[in-house]
């Protein structure tokens, strides 16, 4: 079963994604380095939680986009 993240983690992650959408990828390690640069002062645990949420959110967006493309192909 997955872990539940606090609203603070989600809020910070969404704000970072909104402000720096091109800096993040589906790679957790890459996102971890970016978060440590952008969210200075965050503990290691908080940094990892934010990076994990961003990675999860980007994977969900990618899946959603591919599902929409498949639906368009079916309609044609």
Protein backbone atom coordinates (compact mmCIF):
# COMPACT_ATOMS: atom_id res chain seq x y z
CA UNK A 1 0.00 0.00 0.00
CA UNK A 2 1.28 3.49 -0.82
CA UNK A 3 2.07 6.25 1.59
CA UNK A 4 -0.18 9.21 2.24
CA UNK A 5 1.43 12.59 1.72
CA UNK A 6 0.46 15.68 3.69
CA UNK A 7 -1.20 18.65 2.04
CA UNK A 8 1.98 20.68 2.59
CA UNK A 9 4.02 18.24 0.48
CA UNK A 10 1.40 18.29 -2.27
CA UNK A 11 1.13 22.09 -2.21
CA UNK A 12 4.89 22.62 -2.49
CA UNK A 13 5.17 19.99 -5.24
CA UNK A 14 2.33 21.52 -7.26
CA UNK A 15 3.84 24.99 -6.87
CA UNK A 16 7.25 23.77 -8.06
CA UNK A 17 5.62 22.03 -11.04
CA UNK A 18 3.68 25.19 -11.86
CA UNK A 19 6.72 27.47 -11.65
CA UNK A 20 9.31 25.13 -13.22
CA UNK A 21 7.45 22.66 -15.46
CA UNK A 22 10.39 21.93 -17.79
CA UNK A 23 12.90 21.12 -15.05
CA UNK A 24 11.28 17.87 -13.91
CA UNK A 25 11.11 14.42 -15.50
CA UNK A 26 9.85 10.92 -14.70
CA UNK A 27 13.20 10.11 -13.05
CA UNK A 28 13.05 10.29 -9.24
CA UNK A 29 16.82 10.81 -8.81
CA UNK A 30 16.79 13.75 -11.24
CA UNK A 31 13.76 15.29 -9.53
CA UNK A 32 15.43 14.83 -6.14
CA UNK A 33 18.43 16.90 -7.24
CA UNK A 34 16.20 19.62 -8.71
CA UNK A 35 14.04 19.80 -5.57
CA UNK A 36 17.12 20.09 -3.36
CA UNK A 37 18.24 23.12 -5.41
CA UNK A 38 14.80 24.78 -5.51
CA UNK A 39 13.54 24.00 -2.00
CA UNK A 40 16.57 24.89 0.04
CA UNK A 41 16.20 24.24 3.73
CA UNK A 42 13.97 21.19 3.28
CA UNK A 43 14.98 18.09 5.19
CA UNK A 44 16.05 14.99 3.28
CA UNK A 45 12.75 13.26 4.09
CA UNK A 46 10.67 16.22 2.89
CA UNK A 47 12.82 16.60 -0.23
CA UNK A 48 12.29 12.94 -1.09
CA UNK A 49 8.54 13.16 -0.49
CA UNK A 50 8.24 16.20 -2.75
CA UNK A 51 10.36 14.57 -5.47
CA UNK A 52 8.31 11.38 -5.22
CA UNK A 53 5.04 13.25 -5.51
CA UNK A 54 6.31 15.16 -8.55
CA UNK A 55 7.49 11.92 -10.20
CA UNK A 56 4.12 10.29 -9.49
CA UNK A 57 2.20 13.32 -10.80
CA UNK A 58 4.21 13.47 -14.02
CA UNK A 59 3.70 9.75 -14.63
CA UNK A 60 -0.03 10.24 -14.18
CA UNK A 61 -0.08 13.14 -16.63
CA UNK A 62 1.83 11.06 -19.17
CA UNK A 63 -0.65 8.17 -18.80
CA UNK A 64 -3.58 10.56 -19.14
CA UNK A 65 -2.13 12.06 -22.33
CA UNK A 66 -1.55 8.64 -23.88
CA UNK A 67 -5.11 7.56 -23.01
CA UNK A 68 -6.49 10.66 -24.73
CA UNK A 69 -4.43 9.92 -27.84
CA UNK A 70 -5.74 6.34 -27.92
CA UNK A 71 -9.33 7.59 -27.67
CA UNK A 72 -8.76 10.01 -30.57
CA UNK A 73 -7.36 7.17 -32.69
CA UNK A 74 -10.41 5.02 -31.91
CA UNK A 75 -12.77 7.82 -32.92
CA UNK A 76 -11.08 8.17 -36.31
